[in-house]
Amino acid sequence: MSRRKHAEWQAEIYDKHAGWIAGTRPHMSVGDGWADVVSRLFDRISQALAGEPPSTKIVIIDIKEKYGELRVEILAPVGPETEAAIDQAILLAELRSECTCDACGAPGRMRSTLGQSAWLAVTCDDHQSGYPRTVGERSPKRRIKDRFGVFEITYDRAADSITKTRVAGRREAE
């Protein structure tokens, strides 16, 4: 997405996906650099909803940045397969936000201010002013537990995809 102001790209995303959004359109409290991250998220949710009845509506509770990462809260009355696809879309967006500059959208790294009450942000080298300490150097990762076991999720920015690897030595019943 080209550089546009907050209200412009948010309205564009909401208008494009108006068919499945219920209720009000909350303000997205994220930097303009994450416009593409949020746009991809909404596109993936639309794809996930393709198998649901056309009357299916999702309530967007909150889209914000917290601790340098994208946070998304929605209420989606959908079937289990669609719910899993939406959860996957949100996970991809959260992981992409962890390596995307929130100011310009370029590849970035998690950085922090100095001191005990440090603020976190994902910035590129051009926008690191005020965030002198690099916190994250590697690809974003998460550890998740589901009914199939414990897994490590690694994000590949170039492919915009994740790799799921079972954590060795972890029983499924843990």
N, C-alpha and C. Protein backbone atom coordinates (compact mmCIF):
# COMPACT_ATOMS: atom_id res chain seq x y z
N MET A 1 0.84 -1.18 0.00
CA MET A 1 0.00 0.00 0.00
C MET A 1 0.88 1.24 0.00
N SER A 2 0.48 2.22 -0.73
CA SER A 2 1.25 3.46 -0.76
C SER A 2 1.05 4.21 0.55
N ARG A 3 1.90 5.21 0.78
CA ARG A 3 1.81 5.98 2.01
C ARG A 3 0.54 6.82 2.02
N ARG A 4 -0.37 6.47 2.88
CA ARG A 4 -1.61 7.21 3.05
C ARG A 4 -1.81 7.44 4.53
N LYS A 5 -2.65 8.37 4.83
CA LYS A 5 -2.94 8.66 6.23
C LYS A 5 -3.84 7.58 6.81
N HIS A 6 -3.74 7.48 8.13
CA HIS A 6 -4.49 6.49 8.91
C HIS A 6 -5.94 6.33 8.45
N ALA A 7 -6.68 7.41 8.47
CA ALA A 7 -8.11 7.35 8.17
C ALA A 7 -8.36 6.83 6.76
N GLU A 8 -7.48 7.15 5.82
CA GLU A 8 -7.69 6.73 4.42
C GLU A 8 -7.55 5.23 4.25
N TRP A 9 -6.43 4.65 4.73
CA TRP A 9 -6.25 3.22 4.50
C TRP A 9 -7.20 2.39 5.36
N GLN A 10 -7.53 2.89 6.55
CA GLN A 10 -8.50 2.15 7.37
C GLN A 10 -9.87 2.12 6.71
N ALA A 11 -10.33 3.26 6.20
CA ALA A 11 -11.63 3.32 5.53
C ALA A 11 -11.64 2.42 4.30
N GLU A 12 -10.54 2.41 3.56
CA GLU A 12 -10.44 1.56 2.37
C GLU A 12 -10.58 0.08 2.73
N ILE A 13 -9.89 -0.34 3.79
CA ILE A 13 -9.97 -1.74 4.22
C ILE A 13 -11.39 -2.07 4.69
N TYR A 14 -11.96 -1.22 5.54
CA TYR A 14 -13.32 -1.47 6.03
C TYR A 14 -14.33 -1.49 4.89
N ASP A 15 -14.22 -0.57 3.93
CA ASP A 15 -15.15 -0.53 2.81
C ASP A 15 -15.04 -1.78 1.94
N LYS A 16 -13.82 -2.25 1.71
CA LYS A 16 -13.60 -3.44 0.88
C LYS A 16 -14.24 -4.67 1.52
N HIS A 17 -14.29 -4.72 2.84
CA HIS A 17 -14.78 -5.91 3.54
C HIS A 17 -16.08 -5.66 4.31
N ALA A 18 -16.84 -4.67 3.89
CA ALA A 18 -18.07 -4.28 4.60
C ALA A 18 -19.09 -5.41 4.68
N GLY A 19 -19.06 -6.35 3.74
CA GLY A 19 -20.04 -7.42 3.70
C GLY A 19 -20.01 -8.36 4.90
N TRP A 20 -18.88 -8.49 5.58
CA TRP A 20 -18.83 -9.42 6.70
C TRP A 20 -18.53 -8.74 8.05
N ILE A 21 -18.49 -7.42 8.07
CA ILE A 21 -18.21 -6.72 9.32
C ILE A 21 -19.52 -6.25 9.95
N ALA A 22 -19.73 -6.66 11.20
CA ALA A 22 -20.93 -6.26 11.93
C ALA A 22 -20.57 -5.15 12.92
N GLY A 23 -21.55 -4.35 13.26
CA GLY A 23 -21.35 -3.32 14.28
C GLY A 23 -20.51 -2.16 13.79
N THR A 24 -19.93 -1.47 14.75
CA THR A 24 -19.14 -0.28 14.43
C THR A 24 -17.76 -0.67 13.93
N ARG A 25 -17.10 0.26 13.33
CA ARG A 25 -15.74 0.06 12.83
C ARG A 25 -14.78 0.72 13.80
N PRO A 26 -14.16 -0.06 14.68
CA PRO A 26 -13.27 0.57 15.65
C PRO A 26 -12.03 1.15 14.98
N HIS A 27 -11.51 2.23 15.57
CA HIS A 27 -10.27 2.82 15.09
C HIS A 27 -9.15 1.81 15.30
N MET A 28 -8.32 1.62 14.28
CA MET A 28 -7.18 0.72 14.41
C MET A 28 -6.01 1.52 14.98
N SER A 29 -5.60 1.18 16.16
CA SER A 29 -4.52 1.90 16.83
C SER A 29 -3.17 1.28 16.49
N VAL A 30 -2.80 1.41 15.23
CA VAL A 30 -1.51 0.89 14.75
C VAL A 30 -0.87 1.93 13.85
N GLY A 31 0.43 1.82 13.66
CA GLY A 31 1.14 2.75 12.79
C GLY A 31 0.78 2.53 11.33
N ASP A 32 0.98 3.56 10.53
CA ASP A 32 0.66 3.48 9.10
C ASP A 32 1.48 2.42 8.38
N GLY A 33 2.63 2.06 8.92
CA GLY A 33 3.46 1.03 8.30
C GLY A 33 2.83 -0.35 8.34
N TRP A 34 1.85 -0.54 9.19
CA TRP A 34 1.18 -1.84 9.28
C TRP A 34 -0.08 -1.90 8.44
N ALA A 35 -0.32 -0.93 7.58
CA ALA A 35 -1.51 -0.94 6.72
C ALA A 35 -1.57 -2.22 5.89
N ASP A 36 -0.43 -2.64 5.32
CA ASP A 36 -0.42 -3.85 4.51
C ASP A 36 -0.64 -5.10 5.37
N VAL A 37 -0.12 -5.11 6.59
CA VAL A 37 -0.32 -6.24 7.50
C VAL A 37 -1.82 -6.41 7.78
N VAL A 38 -2.49 -5.30 8.08
CA VAL A 38 -3.92 -5.34 8.39
C VAL A 38 -4.73 -5.69 7.14
N SER A 39 -4.33 -5.15 5.99
CA SER A 39 -5.03 -5.46 4.74
C SER A 39 -4.94 -6.96 4.42
N ARG A 40 -3.77 -7.54 4.58
CA ARG A 40 -3.61 -8.99 4.35
C ARG A 40 -4.48 -9.78 5.33
N LEU A 41 -4.53 -9.32 6.58
CA LEU A 41 -5.37 -9.99 7.57
C LEU A 41 -6.83 -10.02 7.13
N PHE A 42 -7.35 -8.87 6.73
CA PHE A 42 -8.74 -8.80 6.31
C PHE A 42 -8.99 -9.64 5.06
N ASP A 43 -8.05 -9.64 4.12
CA ASP A 43 -8.19 -10.49 2.92
C ASP A 43 -8.25 -11.96 3.30
N ARG A 44 -7.40 -12.37 4.24
CA ARG A 44 -7.40 -13.78 4.68
C ARG A 44 -8.68 -14.14 5.43
N ILE A 45 -9.20 -13.23 6.22
CA ILE A 45 -10.47 -13.49 6.90
C ILE A 45 -11.58 -13.64 5.86
N SER A 46 -11.57 -12.80 4.84
CA SER A 46 -12.57 -12.92 3.76
C SER A 46 -12.49 -14.29 3.10
N GLN A 47 -11.27 -14.75 2.83
CA GLN A 47 -11.09 -16.08 2.23
C GLN A 47 -11.61 -17.17 3.16
N ALA A 48 -11.35 -17.04 4.44
CA ALA A 48 -11.81 -18.03 5.41
C ALA A 48 -13.33 -18.10 5.47
N LEU A 49 -13.98 -16.95 5.27
CA LEU A 49 -15.44 -16.89 5.36
C LEU A 49 -16.14 -17.38 4.10
N ALA A 50 -15.39 -17.73 3.07
CA ALA A 50 -15.98 -18.15 1.79
C ALA A 50 -16.93 -19.34 1.96
N GLY A 51 -16.67 -20.23 2.90
CA GLY A 51 -17.51 -21.40 3.10
C GLY A 51 -18.68 -21.18 4.04
N GLU A 52 -18.78 -20.02 4.62
CA GLU A 52 -19.86 -19.70 5.56
C GLU A 52 -21.04 -19.08 4.82
N PRO A 53 -22.24 -19.11 5.41
CA PRO A 53 -23.39 -18.45 4.77
C PRO A 53 -23.11 -16.96 4.56
N PRO A 54 -23.63 -16.39 3.48
CA PRO A 54 -23.38 -14.97 3.19
C PRO A 54 -23.83 -14.02 4.31
N SER A 55 -24.74 -14.48 5.15
CA SER A 55 -25.23 -13.62 6.23
C SER A 55 -24.29 -13.58 7.44
N THR A 56 -23.20 -14.35 7.41
CA THR A 56 -22.25 -14.40 8.53
C THR A 56 -21.57 -13.04 8.70
N LYS A 57 -21.61 -12.54 9.92
CA LYS A 57 -20.98 -11.26 10.24
C LYS A 57 -20.01 -11.45 11.40
N ILE A 58 -18.91 -10.73 11.38
CA ILE A 58 -17.90 -10.78 12.42
C ILE A 58 -17.83 -9.41 13.09
N VAL A 59 -17.74 -9.41 14.41
CA VAL A 59 -17.58 -8.18 15.16
C VAL A 59 -16.10 -7.97 15.44
N ILE A 60 -15.58 -6.85 15.03
CA ILE A 60 -14.20 -6.49 15.32
C ILE A 60 -14.20 -5.71 16.62
N ILE A 61 -13.61 -6.30 17.64
CA ILE A 61 -13.60 -5.67 18.96
C ILE A 61 -12.45 -4.68 19.06
N ASP A 62 -11.26 -5.10 18.63
CA ASP A 62 -10.10 -4.23 18.79
C ASP A 62 -8.98 -4.64 17.83
N ILE A 63 -8.31 -3.66 17.26
CA ILE A 63 -7.09 -3.86 16.48
C ILE A 63 -6.13 -2.79 16.96
N LYS A 64 -5.02 -3.25 17.59
CA LYS A 64 -4.11 -2.28 18.20
C LYS A 64 -2.69 -2.84 18.24
N GLU A 65 -1.77 -1.97 18.62
CA GLU A 65 -0.39 -2.35 18.88
C GLU A 65 -0.23 -2.42 20.39
N LYS A 66 0.38 -3.51 20.86
CA LYS A 66 0.69 -3.63 22.28
C LYS A 66 2.01 -4.38 22.39
N TYR A 67 2.93 -3.82 23.18
CA TYR A 67 4.26 -4.40 23.34
C TYR A 67 4.96 -4.61 21.99
N GLY A 68 4.72 -3.71 21.05
CA GLY A 68 5.37 -3.76 19.76
C GLY A 68 4.78 -4.75 18.79
N GLU A 69 3.67 -5.38 19.12
CA GLU A 69 3.05 -6.39 18.26
C GLU A 69 1.60 -6.03 17.97
N LEU A 70 1.10 -6.53 16.86
CA LEU A 70 -0.30 -6.37 16.51
C LEU A 70 -1.15 -7.26 17.42
N ARG A 71 -2.24 -6.72 17.92
CA ARG A 71 -3.21 -7.49 18.71
C ARG A 71 -4.57 -7.34 18.04
N VAL A 72 -5.25 -8.44 17.85
CA VAL A 72 -6.54 -8.44 17.17
C VAL A 72 -7.53 -9.22 18.02
N GLU A 73 -8.67 -8.61 18.30
CA GLU A 73 -9.75 -9.27 19.01
C GLU A 73 -11.01 -9.19 18.15
N ILE A 74 -11.58 -10.36 17.86
CA ILE A 74 -12.81 -10.40 17.09
C ILE A 74 -13.78 -11.39 17.73
N LEU A 75 -15.03 -11.26 17.37
CA LEU A 75 -16.07 -12.21 17.76
C LEU A 75 -16.62 -12.78 16.47
N ALA A 76 -16.39 -14.09 16.27
CA ALA A 76 -16.75 -14.71 15.00
C ALA A 76 -17.61 -15.95 15.24
N PRO A 77 -18.92 -15.85 15.03
CA PRO A 77 -19.80 -17.01 15.20
C PRO A 77 -19.74 -17.90 13.94
N VAL A 78 -18.70 -18.69 13.84
CA VAL A 78 -18.46 -19.51 12.65
C VAL A 78 -18.16 -20.95 13.06
N GLY A 79 -18.11 -21.83 12.07
CA GLY A 79 -17.79 -23.23 12.31
C GLY A 79 -16.33 -23.43 12.67
N PRO A 80 -15.97 -24.64 13.15
CA PRO A 80 -14.60 -24.88 13.62
C PRO A 80 -13.52 -24.74 12.54
N GLU A 81 -13.81 -25.13 11.30
CA GLU A 81 -12.81 -25.00 10.23
C GLU A 81 -12.56 -23.53 9.91
N THR A 82 -13.62 -22.76 9.84
CA THR A 82 -13.49 -21.33 9.56
C THR A 82 -12.80 -20.63 10.72
N GLU A 83 -13.15 -21.02 11.94
CA GLU A 83 -12.50 -20.43 13.11
C GLU A 83 -11.00 -20.70 13.09
N ALA A 84 -10.60 -21.92 12.72
CA ALA A 84 -9.17 -22.26 12.65
C ALA A 84 -8.48 -21.43 11.57
N ALA A 85 -9.14 -21.21 10.44
CA ALA A 85 -8.56 -20.40 9.36
C ALA A 85 -8.43 -18.94 9.78
N ILE A 86 -9.40 -18.43 10.52
CA ILE A 86 -9.33 -17.04 11.01
C ILE A 86 -8.22 -16.92 12.05
N ASP A 87 -8.12 -17.90 12.94
CA ASP A 87 -7.03 -17.89 13.94
C ASP A 87 -5.67 -17.90 13.25
N GLN A 88 -5.55 -18.69 12.18
CA GLN A 88 -4.30 -18.75 11.41
C GLN A 88 -4.01 -17.39 10.77
N ALA A 89 -5.03 -16.73 10.24
CA ALA A 89 -4.86 -15.41 9.63
C ALA A 89 -4.38 -14.39 10.66
N ILE A 90 -4.96 -14.44 11.85
CA ILE A 90 -4.56 -13.52 12.92
C ILE A 90 -3.13 -13.82 13.34
N LEU A 91 -2.77 -15.09 13.49
CA LEU A 91 -1.41 -15.45 13.87
C LEU A 91 -0.40 -14.95 12.83
N LEU A 92 -0.71 -15.13 11.55
CA LEU A 92 0.19 -14.63 10.50
C LEU A 92 0.36 -13.11 10.60
N ALA A 93 -0.74 -12.39 10.82
CA ALA A 93 -0.67 -10.93 10.92
C ALA A 93 0.15 -10.51 12.15
N GLU A 94 -0.07 -11.18 13.28
CA GLU A 94 0.69 -10.84 14.48
C GLU A 94 2.19 -11.08 14.26
N LEU A 95 2.54 -12.20 13.66
CA LEU A 95 3.95 -12.51 13.42
C LEU A 95 4.57 -11.56 12.41
N ARG A 96 3.81 -11.21 11.35
CA ARG A 96 4.34 -10.26 10.36
C ARG A 96 4.58 -8.89 11.01
N SER A 97 3.70 -8.50 11.93
CA SER A 97 3.88 -7.21 12.59
C SER A 97 5.18 -7.17 13.40
N GLU A 98 5.64 -8.33 13.87
CA GLU A 98 6.85 -8.39 14.68
C GLU A 98 8.12 -8.17 13.88
N CYS A 99 8.01 -8.10 12.55
CA CYS A 99 9.20 -7.86 11.72
C CYS A 99 8.91 -6.83 10.63
N THR A 100 7.91 -5.96 10.88
CA THR A 100 7.53 -4.91 9.93
C THR A 100 7.54 -3.57 10.65
N CYS A 101 8.29 -2.62 10.11
CA CYS A 101 8.36 -1.28 10.71
C CYS A 101 6.96 -0.68 10.78
N ASP A 102 6.56 -0.25 11.97
CA ASP A 102 5.22 0.30 12.11
C ASP A 102 5.10 1.73 11.57
N ALA A 103 6.22 2.31 11.17
CA ALA A 103 6.18 3.66 10.59
C ALA A 103 6.08 3.63 9.06
N CYS A 104 6.82 2.68 8.41
CA CYS A 104 6.86 2.72 6.94
C CYS A 104 6.54 1.39 6.26
N GLY A 105 6.51 0.28 6.99
CA GLY A 105 6.19 -1.01 6.40
C GLY A 105 7.39 -1.80 5.90
N ALA A 106 8.58 -1.25 6.01
CA ALA A 106 9.79 -1.96 5.59
C ALA A 106 10.12 -3.05 6.61
N PRO A 107 10.98 -4.00 6.23
CA PRO A 107 11.40 -4.99 7.22
C PRO A 107 12.02 -4.28 8.44
N GLY A 108 11.66 -4.73 9.62
CA GLY A 108 12.14 -4.10 10.83
C GLY A 108 12.46 -5.11 11.91
N ARG A 109 12.93 -4.60 13.04
CA ARG A 109 13.26 -5.43 14.19
C ARG A 109 12.64 -4.84 15.44
N MET A 110 12.35 -5.70 16.39
CA MET A 110 11.83 -5.24 17.68
C MET A 110 12.95 -4.47 18.39
N ARG A 111 12.61 -3.27 18.84
CA ARG A 111 13.57 -2.43 19.55
C ARG A 111 12.88 -1.87 20.79
N SER A 112 13.71 -1.37 21.70
CA SER A 112 13.12 -0.78 22.91
C SER A 112 13.86 0.49 23.29
N THR A 113 13.16 1.31 24.09
CA THR A 113 13.81 2.45 24.72
C THR A 113 14.62 1.90 25.88
N LEU A 114 15.44 2.72 26.47
CA LEU A 114 16.24 2.28 27.59
C LEU A 114 15.50 2.52 28.90
N GLY A 115 15.89 1.83 29.93
CA GLY A 115 15.31 2.06 31.24
C GLY A 115 14.34 0.96 31.65
N GLN A 116 13.88 1.06 32.90
CA GLN A 116 12.99 0.04 33.45
C GLN A 116 11.63 0.01 32.77
N SER A 117 11.09 1.15 32.45
CA SER A 117 9.77 1.19 31.82
C SER A 117 9.93 1.37 30.31
N ALA A 118 10.69 0.46 29.71
CA ALA A 118 11.01 0.55 28.28
C ALA A 118 9.76 0.34 27.42
N TRP A 119 9.69 1.12 26.34
CA TRP A 119 8.64 0.95 25.34
C TRP A 119 9.20 0.09 24.23
N LEU A 120 8.36 -0.74 23.64
CA LEU A 120 8.77 -1.60 22.53
C LEU A 120 8.12 -1.12 21.24
N ALA A 121 8.84 -1.25 20.15
CA ALA A 121 8.31 -0.93 18.83
C ALA A 121 9.11 -1.70 17.79
N VAL A 122 8.47 -1.98 16.66
CA VAL A 122 9.18 -2.58 15.54
C VAL A 122 9.51 -1.45 14.58
N THR A 123 10.81 -1.26 14.34
CA THR A 123 11.24 -0.19 13.45
C THR A 123 12.32 -0.69 12.50
N CYS A 124 12.42 -0.03 11.37
CA CYS A 124 13.52 -0.27 10.45
C CYS A 124 14.69 0.60 10.91
N ASP A 125 15.82 0.47 10.25
CA ASP A 125 16.98 1.28 10.64
C ASP A 125 16.73 2.78 10.46
N ASP A 126 15.91 3.15 9.46
CA ASP A 126 15.63 4.56 9.22
C ASP A 126 14.74 5.19 10.30
N HIS A 127 13.93 4.38 10.98
CA HIS A 127 12.98 4.90 11.97
C HIS A 127 13.30 4.47 13.39
N GLN A 128 14.54 4.10 13.66
CA GLN A 128 14.89 3.60 14.99
C GLN A 128 15.13 4.70 16.02
N SER A 129 15.08 5.95 15.64
CA SER A 129 15.32 7.04 16.56
C SER A 129 14.44 6.90 17.80
N GLY A 130 15.05 6.97 18.97
CA GLY A 130 14.31 6.83 20.21
C GLY A 130 14.23 5.40 20.71
N TYR A 131 14.63 4.45 19.87
CA TYR A 131 14.62 3.03 20.25
C TYR A 131 16.01 2.45 20.00
N PRO A 132 16.97 2.77 20.87
CA PRO A 132 18.36 2.41 20.61
C PRO A 132 18.72 0.94 20.81
N ARG A 133 17.93 0.21 21.56
CA ARG A 133 18.31 -1.16 21.87
C ARG A 133 17.51 -2.16 21.03
N THR A 134 18.21 -3.03 20.29
CA THR A 134 17.55 -4.05 19.49
C THR A 134 17.22 -5.23 20.39
N VAL A 135 15.98 -5.65 20.35
CA VAL A 135 15.50 -6.75 21.18
C VAL A 135 15.41 -8.04 20.37
N GLY A 136 14.89 -7.96 19.16
CA GLY A 136 14.70 -9.16 18.34
C GLY A 136 15.55 -9.14 17.10
N GLU A 137 16.31 -10.20 16.88
CA GLU A 137 17.17 -10.32 15.71
C GLU A 137 16.69 -11.40 14.74
N ARG A 138 16.01 -12.41 15.26
CA ARG A 138 15.63 -13.56 14.46
C ARG A 138 14.21 -13.43 13.94
N SER A 139 13.83 -14.42 13.14
CA SER A 139 12.44 -14.48 12.67
C SER A 139 11.51 -14.62 13.86
N PRO A 140 10.35 -13.98 13.80
CA PRO A 140 9.40 -14.10 14.90
C PRO A 140 9.00 -15.56 15.14
N LYS A 141 8.89 -15.91 16.42
CA LYS A 141 8.51 -17.27 16.81
C LYS A 141 7.47 -17.22 17.91
N ARG A 142 6.71 -18.27 17.99
CA ARG A 142 5.75 -18.46 19.08
C ARG A 142 5.75 -19.93 19.46
N ARG A 143 5.42 -20.20 20.68
CA ARG A 143 5.20 -21.57 21.12
C ARG A 143 3.72 -21.67 21.45
N ILE A 144 3.07 -22.65 20.84
CA ILE A 144 1.64 -22.82 21.06
C ILE A 144 1.36 -24.25 21.50
N LYS A 145 0.27 -24.40 22.21
CA LYS A 145 -0.18 -25.71 22.65
C LYS A 145 -1.62 -25.86 22.18
N ASP A 146 -1.88 -26.97 21.50
CA ASP A 146 -3.25 -27.27 21.10
C ASP A 146 -3.54 -28.73 21.43
N ARG A 147 -4.65 -29.23 20.96
CA ARG A 147 -5.02 -30.60 21.32
C ARG A 147 -4.10 -31.65 20.70
N PHE A 148 -3.24 -31.24 19.77
CA PHE A 148 -2.32 -32.17 19.12
C PHE A 148 -0.93 -32.16 19.72
N GLY A 149 -0.64 -31.23 20.62
CA GLY A 149 0.67 -31.17 21.25
C GLY A 149 1.18 -29.75 21.39
N VAL A 150 2.49 -29.64 21.62
CA VAL A 150 3.15 -28.35 21.76
C VAL A 150 4.00 -28.12 20.52
N PHE A 151 3.90 -26.93 19.94
CA PHE A 151 4.57 -26.63 18.69
C PHE A 151 5.29 -25.29 18.76
N GLU A 152 6.37 -25.19 17.99
CA GLU A 152 7.03 -23.92 17.80
C GLU A 152 6.65 -23.43 16.41
N ILE A 153 6.17 -22.20 16.35
CA ILE A 153 5.75 -21.58 15.10
C ILE A 153 6.82 -20.56 14.71
N THR A 154 7.36 -20.66 13.51
CA THR A 154 8.36 -19.72 13.01
C THR A 154 7.81 -19.03 11.77
N TYR A 155 7.95 -17.71 11.72
CA TYR A 155 7.42 -16.93 10.60
C TYR A 155 8.52 -16.63 9.58
N ASP A 156 8.20 -16.80 8.30
CA ASP A 156 9.09 -16.47 7.19
C ASP A 156 8.50 -15.25 6.47
N ARG A 157 9.13 -14.09 6.65
CA ARG A 157 8.60 -12.85 6.07
C ARG A 157 8.57 -12.89 4.55
N ALA A 158 9.62 -13.42 3.92
CA ALA A 158 9.69 -13.44 2.46
C ALA A 158 8.54 -14.25 1.85
N ALA A 159 8.22 -15.38 2.48
CA ALA A 159 7.14 -16.23 1.97
C ALA A 159 5.78 -15.88 2.59
N ASP A 160 5.78 -15.02 3.62
CA ASP A 160 4.58 -14.67 4.37
C ASP A 160 3.85 -15.95 4.79
N SER A 161 4.62 -16.83 5.43
CA SER A 161 4.07 -18.12 5.86
C SER A 161 4.72 -18.54 7.17
N ILE A 162 4.13 -19.56 7.78
CA ILE A 162 4.68 -20.08 9.03
C ILE A 162 5.06 -21.54 8.87
N THR A 163 6.00 -21.96 9.71
CA THR A 163 6.40 -23.35 9.81
C THR A 163 6.06 -23.80 11.21
N LYS A 164 5.40 -24.95 11.32
CA LYS A 164 4.98 -25.48 12.61
C LYS A 164 5.79 -26.74 12.89
N THR A 165 6.53 -26.74 14.01
CA THR A 165 7.39 -27.86 14.37
C THR A 165 7.02 -28.34 15.77
N ARG A 166 6.79 -29.65 15.89
CA ARG A 166 6.49 -30.22 17.22
C ARG A 166 7.72 -30.07 18.11
N VAL A 167 7.49 -29.64 19.35
CA VAL A 167 8.57 -29.49 20.31
C VAL A 167 8.92 -30.87 20.84
N ALA A 168 10.19 -31.26 20.69
CA ALA A 168 10.64 -32.59 21.11
C ALA A 168 10.48 -32.77 22.61
N GLY A 169 10.10 -33.98 22.97
CA GLY A 169 9.99 -34.31 24.38
C GLY A 169 8.72 -33.84 25.06
N ARG A 170 7.80 -33.25 24.31
CA ARG A 170 6.55 -32.78 24.89
C ARG A 170 5.44 -33.75 24.54
N ARG A 171 4.82 -34.28 25.55
CA ARG A 171 3.71 -35.21 25.32
C ARG A 171 2.48 -34.44 24.90
N GLU A 172 1.62 -35.11 24.16
CA GLU A 172 0.39 -34.48 23.68
C GLU A 172 -0.54 -34.12 24.83
N ALA A 173 -0.48 -34.87 25.93
CA ALA A 173 -1.41 -34.64 27.03
C ALA A 173 -1.00 -33.50 27.96
N GLU A 174 0.18 -32.90 27.75
CA GLU A 174 0.63 -31.82 28.65
C GLU A 174 -0.29 -30.64 28.62
